Amino acid sequence: MAAPAEPDYLVPKHDGEWTVEDVLGLPEDHGSRIELVDGGLLVSPAPKSGHQRLLQKLQVALSPVLPAGTELLPGVNVRLPGQRS
């Protein structure tokens, strides 16, 4: 019987709450979505191809009716002030 493979951790061990600077310092080539919520990390798989196709169709459909200067940018960092209560 083969020994189980060592897990590939997406993020290093970290003591205490995570900060925006900690998260932005992580490598971007991990292939997963990492979110900072109230000092903790939420890690989820990257979107699959069906999701990406639907997103592209939505962007193409919305582009003609967007106000001037508005951009549709999937996958960008969004920062909201404070923590949830």
Protein backbone atom coordinates (compact mmCIF):
# COMPACT_ATOMS: atom_id res chain seq x y z
CA MET A 1 0.00 0.00 0.00
CA ALA A 2 1.38 3.38 -1.00
CA ALA A 3 1.83 6.10 1.58
CA PRO A 4 -0.53 9.08 1.22
CA ALA A 5 0.97 12.03 -0.57
CA GLU A 6 1.96 15.06 1.44
CA PRO A 7 -0.66 17.81 1.10
CA ASP A 8 0.18 20.81 -1.06
CA TYR A 9 -0.65 23.78 1.12
CA LEU A 10 -1.76 26.86 -0.78
CA VAL A 11 -0.80 29.22 2.01
CA PRO A 12 1.97 29.07 4.60
CA LYS A 13 1.22 28.60 8.29
CA HIS A 14 0.36 31.92 9.86
CA ASP A 15 -0.08 32.96 13.49
CA GLY A 16 -2.87 35.40 14.29
CA GLU A 17 -5.16 37.23 11.92
CA TRP A 18 -4.23 37.78 8.29
CA THR A 19 -3.88 41.32 6.95
CA VAL A 20 -4.37 42.70 3.45
CA GLU A 21 -0.59 43.00 3.14
CA ASP A 22 -0.14 39.33 4.15
CA VAL A 23 -2.62 38.17 1.51
CA LEU A 24 -1.23 40.40 -1.25
CA GLY A 25 2.22 38.96 -0.47
CA LEU A 26 1.09 35.41 -1.31
CA PRO A 27 2.10 33.97 -4.69
CA GLU A 28 -0.49 34.43 -7.43
CA ASP A 29 0.26 31.21 -9.31
CA HIS A 30 -1.55 28.87 -6.91
CA GLY A 31 -4.65 28.50 -9.12
CA SER A 32 -7.13 29.08 -6.31
CA ARG A 33 -9.21 32.00 -5.16
CA ILE A 34 -8.10 33.37 -1.79
CA GLU A 35 -10.30 35.81 0.12
CA LEU A 36 -9.59 37.67 3.35
CA VAL A 37 -12.67 37.87 5.58
CA ASP A 38 -12.44 39.26 9.10
CA GLY A 39 -8.78 38.25 9.48
CA GLY A 40 -9.27 34.70 8.17
CA LEU A 41 -8.69 33.19 4.75
CA LEU A 42 -11.28 31.51 2.55
CA VAL A 43 -9.71 29.35 -0.14
CA SER A 44 -11.79 28.00 -3.02
CA PRO A 45 -10.96 26.47 -6.40
CA ALA A 46 -10.52 28.67 -9.43
CA PRO A 47 -13.64 28.95 -11.62
CA LYS A 48 -14.12 26.17 -14.17
CA SER A 49 -14.36 26.75 -17.92
CA GLY A 50 -18.19 26.81 -17.97
CA HIS A 51 -18.19 29.65 -15.45
CA GLN A 52 -15.58 31.53 -17.46
CA ARG A 53 -17.58 31.13 -20.71
CA LEU A 54 -20.73 32.45 -19.06
CA LEU A 55 -18.80 35.38 -17.61
CA GLN A 56 -17.42 36.24 -21.03
CA LYS A 57 -20.92 36.18 -22.59
CA LEU A 58 -22.20 38.44 -19.81
CA GLN A 59 -19.35 40.89 -20.35
CA VAL A 60 -19.96 41.04 -24.09
CA ALA A 61 -23.71 41.59 -23.54
CA LEU A 62 -23.18 44.34 -20.95
CA SER A 63 -20.39 46.25 -22.70
CA PRO A 64 -22.61 48.25 -25.12
CA VAL A 65 -24.76 49.65 -22.30
CA LEU A 66 -22.07 50.58 -19.76
CA PRO A 67 -21.58 54.23 -18.88
CA ALA A 68 -18.52 55.87 -20.46
CA GLY A 69 -15.32 55.05 -18.56
CA THR A 70 -16.75 51.92 -16.91
CA GLU A 71 -14.75 48.69 -17.20
CA LEU A 72 -15.70 45.07 -16.57
CA LEU A 73 -12.71 43.43 -14.91
CA PRO A 74 -13.17 39.88 -13.61
CA GLY A 75 -10.85 38.63 -10.90
CA VAL A 76 -9.60 41.96 -9.55
CA ASN A 77 -9.04 42.61 -5.86
CA VAL A 78 -11.91 44.30 -4.07
CA ARG A 79 -11.43 45.97 -0.70
CA LEU A 80 -14.31 46.83 1.60
CA PRO A 81 -13.72 48.92 4.72
CA GLY A 82 -13.87 47.43 8.21
CA GLN A 83 -15.03 44.04 9.38
CA ARG A 84 -18.43 42.43 9.38
CA SER A 85 -20.38 42.76 12.61
